Amino acid sequence: MFYLIIITFLLITIFLSQLIKLKLVNNKIISFENFILNKVFPISNINEIYKFSILRIIFAIILIYKYFYIFYYLHDNEYLHVYIISILDLIFSIFLLIGFLTQFIIIYFIFFSFQIGELYLSTITLGHDIGAMVLILFFFNKRWK
C-alpha cells in the first residue's frame, strides 16, 4: 500500500510538471498566482522577506528536532516503510532549513507527511495540523524564498 501511494504521488507530480510546461496553462497559473500574491500578500516593506526567512528557518529547526527524536525512538522491529518515512521526513526538514526545493518539500509535508506519514509513524497530534497551516502560508507567499 505504501509503495502504491509513493508511485501515485510521483506520477501525479510528473503529470503536473508536464502540464505546467504548456504555454497556455503556464500563463493562466502565473496570472492566478500574481492575483493571489498581490491581494493576499502585498509587499509593504523589504523587511517582510527577512521575517518569512527567519520563520522558515525556525519552523525547519522544530521539524528537525521532532523527526530526529521520532527516528531515535523507533523500535528495532519496526517495518521498513516506517524507517523510510522517518528518514525522508528528517532529510526534507534539513532541506527546508537550507532552502533547497522548498516548494516540493512543502507539498510533501502538507499532503503526505502530515496526513499519511503521521498514521504510519503513530504521531497523530494537533501540531501536524498547525504545521500544515503554517506551510500553506509559506507555500502561497513566494517572497520568503
N, C-alpha and C. Protein backbone atom coordinates (compact mmCIF):
# COMPACT_ATOMS: atom_id res chain seq x y z
N MET A 1 0.81 -1.19 0.00
CA MET A 1 0.00 0.00 0.00
C MET A 1 0.86 1.26 0.00
N PHE A 2 1.92 1.23 0.81
CA PHE A 2 2.81 2.38 0.90
C PHE A 2 3.47 2.67 -0.44
N TYR A 3 3.93 1.62 -1.12
CA TYR A 3 4.59 1.81 -2.41
C TYR A 3 3.62 2.32 -3.47
N LEU A 4 2.38 1.90 -3.39
CA LEU A 4 1.36 2.40 -4.31
C LEU A 4 1.12 3.89 -4.11
N ILE A 5 1.14 4.34 -2.88
CA ILE A 5 0.96 5.77 -2.59
C ILE A 5 2.13 6.57 -3.13
N ILE A 6 3.35 6.07 -2.93
CA ILE A 6 4.54 6.77 -3.43
C ILE A 6 4.53 6.84 -4.95
N ILE A 7 4.21 5.74 -5.61
CA ILE A 7 4.18 5.72 -7.08
C ILE A 7 3.10 6.66 -7.60
N THR A 8 1.93 6.68 -6.96
CA THR A 8 0.86 7.60 -7.36
C THR A 8 1.29 9.05 -7.19
N PHE A 9 1.95 9.36 -6.08
CA PHE A 9 2.44 10.71 -5.83
C PHE A 9 3.44 11.12 -6.90
N LEU A 10 4.34 10.23 -7.26
CA LEU A 10 5.34 10.54 -8.29
C LEU A 10 4.69 10.74 -9.66
N LEU A 11 3.72 9.90 -10.01
CA LEU A 11 3.04 10.04 -11.30
C LEU A 11 2.26 11.35 -11.38
N ILE A 12 1.60 11.72 -10.30
CA ILE A 12 0.87 12.99 -10.29
C ILE A 12 1.84 14.15 -10.43
N THR A 13 2.98 14.07 -9.76
CA THR A 13 3.98 15.13 -9.86
C THR A 13 4.52 15.25 -11.28
N ILE A 14 4.80 14.13 -11.92
CA ILE A 14 5.30 14.15 -13.31
C ILE A 14 4.24 14.72 -14.24
N PHE A 15 2.98 14.31 -14.06
CA PHE A 15 1.90 14.82 -14.91
C PHE A 15 1.73 16.32 -14.75
N LEU A 16 1.73 16.80 -13.51
CA LEU A 16 1.57 18.23 -13.28
C LEU A 16 2.76 19.04 -13.80
N SER A 17 3.96 18.48 -13.70
CA SER A 17 5.12 19.20 -14.22
C SER A 17 5.07 19.30 -15.74
N GLN A 18 4.56 18.28 -16.42
CA GLN A 18 4.41 18.33 -17.87
C GLN A 18 3.29 19.27 -18.27
N LEU A 19 2.23 19.31 -17.47
CA LEU A 19 1.11 20.19 -17.76
C LEU A 19 1.50 21.65 -17.61
N ILE A 20 2.34 21.95 -16.64
CA ILE A 20 2.77 23.33 -16.41
C ILE A 20 3.66 23.82 -17.54
N LYS A 21 4.33 22.92 -18.25
CA LYS A 21 5.20 23.32 -19.35
C LYS A 21 4.42 23.87 -20.54
N LEU A 22 3.13 23.53 -20.64
CA LEU A 22 2.32 24.08 -21.72
C LEU A 22 2.17 25.58 -21.55
N LYS A 23 2.27 26.31 -22.65
CA LYS A 23 2.29 27.77 -22.61
C LYS A 23 0.98 28.35 -22.06
N LEU A 24 -0.16 27.84 -22.52
CA LEU A 24 -1.45 28.37 -22.08
C LEU A 24 -1.67 28.11 -20.59
N VAL A 25 -1.38 26.90 -20.16
CA VAL A 25 -1.57 26.57 -18.74
C VAL A 25 -0.61 27.37 -17.88
N ASN A 26 0.61 27.53 -18.34
CA ASN A 26 1.61 28.28 -17.58
C ASN A 26 1.20 29.74 -17.43
N ASN A 27 0.68 30.36 -18.48
CA ASN A 27 0.24 31.75 -18.40
C ASN A 27 -0.93 31.91 -17.44
N LYS A 28 -1.87 30.95 -17.46
CA LYS A 28 -3.02 31.02 -16.54
C LYS A 28 -2.57 30.87 -15.09
N ILE A 29 -1.64 29.95 -14.86
CA ILE A 29 -1.15 29.74 -13.50
C ILE A 29 -0.42 30.98 -13.00
N ILE A 30 0.40 31.58 -13.85
CA ILE A 30 1.15 32.77 -13.45
C ILE A 30 0.21 33.93 -13.17
N SER A 31 -0.82 34.12 -14.00
CA SER A 31 -1.75 35.23 -13.76
C SER A 31 -2.55 35.00 -12.48
N PHE A 32 -2.98 33.77 -12.23
CA PHE A 32 -3.70 33.46 -10.98
C PHE A 32 -2.78 33.63 -9.78
N GLU A 33 -1.54 33.19 -9.93
CA GLU A 33 -0.58 33.32 -8.84
C GLU A 33 -0.29 34.78 -8.52
N ASN A 34 -0.13 35.60 -9.53
CA ASN A 34 0.10 37.02 -9.30
C ASN A 34 -1.11 37.69 -8.65
N PHE A 35 -2.31 37.28 -9.07
CA PHE A 35 -3.53 37.83 -8.46
C PHE A 35 -3.58 37.49 -6.97
N ILE A 36 -3.32 36.22 -6.64
CA ILE A 36 -3.36 35.79 -5.25
C ILE A 36 -2.27 36.50 -4.44
N LEU A 37 -1.06 36.56 -4.98
CA LEU A 37 0.04 37.18 -4.24
C LEU A 37 -0.18 38.66 -4.01
N ASN A 38 -0.73 39.35 -4.99
CA ASN A 38 -0.93 40.78 -4.82
C ASN A 38 -2.09 41.11 -3.89
N LYS A 39 -3.11 40.26 -3.86
CA LYS A 39 -4.26 40.52 -3.00
C LYS A 39 -4.02 40.06 -1.56
N VAL A 40 -3.42 38.89 -1.42
CA VAL A 40 -3.27 38.32 -0.09
C VAL A 40 -1.98 38.77 0.59
N PHE A 41 -0.90 38.83 -0.17
CA PHE A 41 0.40 39.17 0.40
C PHE A 41 0.98 40.40 -0.30
N PRO A 42 0.45 41.58 -0.04
CA PRO A 42 1.03 42.77 -0.67
C PRO A 42 2.41 43.07 -0.07
N ILE A 43 3.26 43.64 -0.90
CA ILE A 43 4.59 43.99 -0.43
C ILE A 43 4.49 45.34 0.27
N SER A 44 4.72 45.33 1.56
CA SER A 44 4.65 46.58 2.30
C SER A 44 6.05 47.08 2.68
N ASN A 45 6.97 46.14 2.83
CA ASN A 45 8.29 46.52 3.28
C ASN A 45 9.27 45.43 2.86
N ILE A 46 10.49 45.80 2.62
CA ILE A 46 11.50 44.81 2.23
C ILE A 46 11.84 43.89 3.41
N ASN A 47 11.59 44.34 4.62
CA ASN A 47 11.89 43.52 5.79
C ASN A 47 10.97 42.31 5.93
N GLU A 48 9.85 42.30 5.20
CA GLU A 48 8.96 41.14 5.23
C GLU A 48 9.65 39.90 4.71
N ILE A 49 10.52 40.06 3.73
CA ILE A 49 11.25 38.91 3.17
C ILE A 49 12.08 38.26 4.26
N TYR A 50 12.75 39.07 5.06
CA TYR A 50 13.60 38.53 6.11
C TYR A 50 12.79 37.86 7.22
N LYS A 51 11.61 38.39 7.50
CA LYS A 51 10.76 37.80 8.53
C LYS A 51 10.32 36.39 8.13
N PHE A 52 9.91 36.23 6.87
CA PHE A 52 9.48 34.91 6.43
C PHE A 52 10.65 33.94 6.34
N SER A 53 11.84 34.43 6.02
CA SER A 53 13.01 33.56 6.00
C SER A 53 13.34 33.07 7.40
N ILE A 54 13.25 33.95 8.37
CA ILE A 54 13.51 33.55 9.76
C ILE A 54 12.44 32.57 10.25
N LEU A 55 11.18 32.81 9.88
CA LEU A 55 10.11 31.89 10.26
C LEU A 55 10.32 30.51 9.64
N ARG A 56 10.76 30.47 8.38
CA ARG A 56 11.03 29.19 7.73
C ARG A 56 12.15 28.44 8.44
N ILE A 57 13.20 29.14 8.82
CA ILE A 57 14.33 28.51 9.50
C ILE A 57 13.91 27.99 10.87
N ILE A 58 13.15 28.77 11.62
CA ILE A 58 12.69 28.34 12.94
C ILE A 58 11.78 27.13 12.81
N PHE A 59 10.87 27.16 11.84
CA PHE A 59 9.97 26.03 11.63
C PHE A 59 10.74 24.78 11.23
N ALA A 60 11.76 24.93 10.39
CA ALA A 60 12.56 23.78 9.98
C ALA A 60 13.36 23.21 11.16
N ILE A 61 13.85 24.06 12.04
CA ILE A 61 14.58 23.57 13.22
C ILE A 61 13.64 22.77 14.12
N ILE A 62 12.41 23.24 14.28
CA ILE A 62 11.43 22.49 15.07
C ILE A 62 11.14 21.14 14.43
N LEU A 63 11.01 21.11 13.11
CA LEU A 63 10.76 19.83 12.42
C LEU A 63 11.95 18.88 12.54
N ILE A 64 13.16 19.41 12.43
CA ILE A 64 14.35 18.57 12.56
C ILE A 64 14.40 17.97 13.96
N TYR A 65 14.16 18.77 14.96
CA TYR A 65 14.16 18.29 16.34
C TYR A 65 13.12 17.18 16.51
N LYS A 66 11.94 17.41 15.99
CA LYS A 66 10.85 16.44 16.12
C LYS A 66 11.16 15.13 15.41
N TYR A 67 11.56 15.22 14.15
CA TYR A 67 11.78 13.99 13.38
C TYR A 67 13.06 13.27 13.78
N PHE A 68 14.03 13.98 14.35
CA PHE A 68 15.20 13.29 14.88
C PHE A 68 14.81 12.39 16.04
N TYR A 69 13.99 12.88 16.95
CA TYR A 69 13.59 12.06 18.09
C TYR A 69 12.60 10.98 17.69
N ILE A 70 11.81 11.20 16.68
CA ILE A 70 10.95 10.12 16.19
C ILE A 70 11.81 9.00 15.63
N PHE A 71 12.84 9.35 14.86
CA PHE A 71 13.75 8.33 14.33
C PHE A 71 14.56 7.67 15.45
N TYR A 72 14.97 8.43 16.42
CA TYR A 72 15.79 7.92 17.51
C TYR A 72 15.04 6.89 18.35
N TYR A 73 13.75 7.12 18.56
CA TYR A 73 12.97 6.23 19.43
C TYR A 73 12.21 5.15 18.68
N LEU A 74 12.52 4.92 17.42
CA LEU A 74 11.90 3.80 16.71
C LEU A 74 12.44 2.48 17.26
N HIS A 75 11.58 1.49 17.31
CA HIS A 75 12.00 0.17 17.78
C HIS A 75 12.76 -0.56 16.69
N ASP A 76 13.52 -1.55 17.10
CA ASP A 76 14.29 -2.32 16.12
C ASP A 76 13.40 -3.19 15.24
N ASN A 77 12.23 -3.54 15.72
CA ASN A 77 11.35 -4.43 14.97
C ASN A 77 10.30 -3.68 14.16
N GLU A 78 10.51 -2.41 13.87
CA GLU A 78 9.57 -1.64 13.04
C GLU A 78 9.68 -2.08 11.59
N TYR A 79 8.63 -1.83 10.84
CA TYR A 79 8.65 -2.15 9.41
C TYR A 79 9.58 -1.20 8.67
N LEU A 80 9.99 -1.61 7.49
CA LEU A 80 10.94 -0.82 6.70
C LEU A 80 10.33 0.51 6.28
N HIS A 81 9.05 0.52 5.91
CA HIS A 81 8.46 1.77 5.45
C HIS A 81 8.38 2.82 6.57
N VAL A 82 8.33 2.40 7.81
CA VAL A 82 8.34 3.36 8.92
C VAL A 82 9.70 4.05 9.00
N TYR A 83 10.77 3.28 8.83
CA TYR A 83 12.11 3.87 8.81
C TYR A 83 12.29 4.80 7.61
N ILE A 84 11.76 4.40 6.46
CA ILE A 84 11.89 5.22 5.26
C ILE A 84 11.16 6.56 5.43
N ILE A 85 9.96 6.51 5.95
CA ILE A 85 9.20 7.76 6.17
C ILE A 85 9.93 8.65 7.17
N SER A 86 10.43 8.06 8.23
CA SER A 86 11.13 8.84 9.25
C SER A 86 12.40 9.49 8.70
N ILE A 87 13.16 8.75 7.92
CA ILE A 87 14.39 9.30 7.33
C ILE A 87 14.06 10.38 6.30
N LEU A 88 13.03 10.13 5.46
CA LEU A 88 12.63 11.15 4.48
C LEU A 88 12.18 12.43 5.16
N ASP A 89 11.41 12.30 6.23
CA ASP A 89 10.97 13.49 6.96
C ASP A 89 12.15 14.27 7.52
N LEU A 90 13.14 13.55 8.04
CA LEU A 90 14.31 14.21 8.60
C LEU A 90 15.14 14.90 7.51
N ILE A 91 15.33 14.21 6.39
CA ILE A 91 16.11 14.78 5.29
C ILE A 91 15.40 16.00 4.70
N PHE A 92 14.09 15.89 4.49
CA PHE A 92 13.35 17.01 3.92
C PHE A 92 13.27 18.19 4.90
N SER A 93 13.31 17.92 6.19
CA SER A 93 13.37 19.02 7.16
C SER A 93 14.70 19.77 7.05
N ILE A 94 15.77 19.04 6.83
CA ILE A 94 17.07 19.68 6.64
C ILE A 94 17.08 20.48 5.35
N PHE A 95 16.48 19.94 4.29
CA PHE A 95 16.38 20.69 3.04
C PHE A 95 15.56 21.97 3.22
N LEU A 96 14.50 21.89 4.01
CA LEU A 96 13.70 23.08 4.28
C LEU A 96 14.51 24.12 5.05
N LEU A 97 15.38 23.66 5.93
CA LEU A 97 16.22 24.57 6.69
C LEU A 97 17.17 25.34 5.78
N ILE A 98 17.78 24.66 4.82
CA ILE A 98 18.73 25.33 3.93
C ILE A 98 18.05 25.97 2.73
N GLY A 99 16.76 25.71 2.53
CA GLY A 99 16.03 26.35 1.44
C GLY A 99 16.17 25.64 0.11
N PHE A 100 16.40 24.34 0.11
CA PHE A 100 16.58 23.57 -1.11
C PHE A 100 15.27 22.87 -1.46
N LEU A 101 14.74 23.12 -2.67
CA LEU A 101 13.48 22.52 -3.16
C LEU A 101 12.31 22.79 -2.20
N THR A 102 12.21 23.99 -1.75
CA THR A 102 11.24 24.29 -0.69
C THR A 102 9.79 24.07 -1.12
N GLN A 103 9.43 24.42 -2.34
CA GLN A 103 8.03 24.26 -2.76
C GLN A 103 7.63 22.79 -2.79
N PHE A 104 8.51 21.93 -3.30
CA PHE A 104 8.19 20.50 -3.35
C PHE A 104 8.16 19.89 -1.95
N ILE A 105 9.05 20.34 -1.10
CA ILE A 105 9.09 19.81 0.26
C ILE A 105 7.86 20.25 1.05
N ILE A 106 7.41 21.47 0.82
CA ILE A 106 6.19 21.93 1.48
C ILE A 106 5.00 21.08 1.04
N ILE A 107 4.91 20.78 -0.25
CA ILE A 107 3.83 19.92 -0.74
C ILE A 107 3.93 18.53 -0.12
N TYR A 108 5.16 18.00 -0.02
CA TYR A 108 5.35 16.69 0.61
C TYR A 108 4.85 16.69 2.05
N PHE A 109 5.23 17.70 2.82
CA PHE A 109 4.82 17.75 4.21
C PHE A 109 3.32 17.92 4.36
N ILE A 110 2.71 18.79 3.56
CA ILE A 110 1.27 19.05 3.69
C ILE A 110 0.45 17.82 3.30
N PHE A 111 0.75 17.23 2.15
CA PHE A 111 -0.11 16.19 1.62
C PHE A 111 0.31 14.78 2.00
N PHE A 112 1.55 14.57 2.36
CA PHE A 112 1.96 13.20 2.68
C PHE A 112 2.35 13.05 4.15
N SER A 113 3.33 13.80 4.58
CA SER A 113 3.86 13.58 5.92
C SER A 113 2.85 13.91 7.01
N PHE A 114 2.17 15.04 6.88
CA PHE A 114 1.23 15.43 7.92
C PHE A 114 -0.11 14.71 7.80
N GLN A 115 -0.36 13.98 6.72
CA GLN A 115 -1.62 13.26 6.56
C GLN A 115 -1.42 11.75 6.69
N ILE A 116 -0.58 11.18 5.83
CA ILE A 116 -0.40 9.73 5.80
C ILE A 116 0.78 9.31 6.67
N GLY A 117 1.84 10.09 6.65
CA GLY A 117 3.03 9.73 7.41
C GLY A 117 2.79 9.67 8.90
N GLU A 118 1.92 10.53 9.41
CA GLU A 118 1.65 10.51 10.84
C GLU A 118 0.91 9.25 11.26
N LEU A 119 0.16 8.66 10.34
CA LEU A 119 -0.51 7.40 10.66
C LEU A 119 0.49 6.25 10.75
N TYR A 120 1.46 6.22 9.83
CA TYR A 120 2.46 5.17 9.85
C TYR A 120 3.42 5.33 11.03
N LEU A 121 3.74 6.56 11.39
CA LEU A 121 4.67 6.80 12.50
C LEU A 121 3.96 6.83 13.85
N SER A 122 2.65 6.79 13.85
CA SER A 122 1.83 6.85 15.07
C SER A 122 2.13 8.11 15.87
N THR A 123 2.18 9.23 15.17
CA THR A 123 2.44 10.52 15.82
C THR A 123 1.34 11.51 15.49
N ILE A 124 0.11 11.10 15.66
CA ILE A 124 -1.02 11.96 15.33
C ILE A 124 -1.18 13.00 16.43
N THR A 125 -0.93 14.26 16.07
CA THR A 125 -1.05 15.34 17.04
C THR A 125 -1.71 16.55 16.39
N LEU A 126 -2.08 17.50 17.20
CA LEU A 126 -2.61 18.76 16.70
C LEU A 126 -1.50 19.58 16.03
N GLY A 127 -0.26 19.31 16.42
CA GLY A 127 0.87 20.03 15.85
C GLY A 127 1.01 19.84 14.35
N HIS A 128 0.62 18.67 13.84
CA HIS A 128 0.67 18.45 12.40
C HIS A 128 -0.32 19.36 11.68
N ASP A 129 -1.50 19.52 12.24
CA ASP A 129 -2.49 20.39 11.61
C ASP A 129 -2.04 21.84 11.63
N ILE A 130 -1.47 22.27 12.73
CA ILE A 130 -0.97 23.64 12.82
C ILE A 130 0.22 23.83 11.88
N GLY A 131 1.09 22.81 11.81
CA GLY A 131 2.22 22.87 10.89
C GLY A 131 1.78 22.93 9.44
N ALA A 132 0.72 22.20 9.11
CA ALA A 132 0.20 22.25 7.74
C ALA A 132 -0.34 23.64 7.41
N MET A 133 -0.98 24.29 8.39
CA MET A 133 -1.47 25.65 8.15
C MET A 133 -0.33 26.63 7.95
N VAL A 134 0.73 26.48 8.73
CA VAL A 134 1.90 27.35 8.57
C VAL A 134 2.54 27.13 7.20
N LEU A 135 2.63 25.87 6.79
CA LEU A 135 3.23 25.57 5.49
C LEU A 135 2.37 26.06 4.33
N ILE A 136 1.06 26.08 4.49
CA ILE A 136 0.21 26.65 3.45
C ILE A 136 0.50 28.14 3.31
N LEU A 137 0.69 28.82 4.43
CA LEU A 137 1.08 30.23 4.39
C LEU A 137 2.41 30.40 3.65
N PHE A 138 3.38 29.54 3.96
CA PHE A 138 4.67 29.61 3.28
C PHE A 138 4.55 29.30 1.79
N PHE A 139 3.67 28.37 1.45
CA PHE A 139 3.54 27.97 0.05
C PHE A 139 2.99 29.11 -0.81
N PHE A 140 2.01 29.82 -0.29
CA PHE A 140 1.41 30.90 -1.06
C PHE A 140 2.20 32.19 -1.03
N ASN A 141 3.11 32.32 -0.10
CA ASN A 141 3.92 33.51 -0.02
C ASN A 141 5.29 33.20 -0.60
N LYS A 142 5.51 33.62 -1.84
CA LYS A 142 6.77 33.30 -2.53
C LYS A 142 7.89 34.27 -2.19
N ARG A 143 7.61 35.28 -1.41
CA ARG A 143 8.62 36.29 -1.14
C ARG A 143 9.61 35.86 -0.07
N TRP A 144 9.40 34.75 0.56
CA TRP A 144 10.30 34.30 1.61
C TRP A 144 11.40 33.40 1.08
N LYS A 145 11.37 33.03 -0.19
CA LYS A 145 12.36 32.09 -0.72
C LYS A 145 13.75 32.67 -0.69
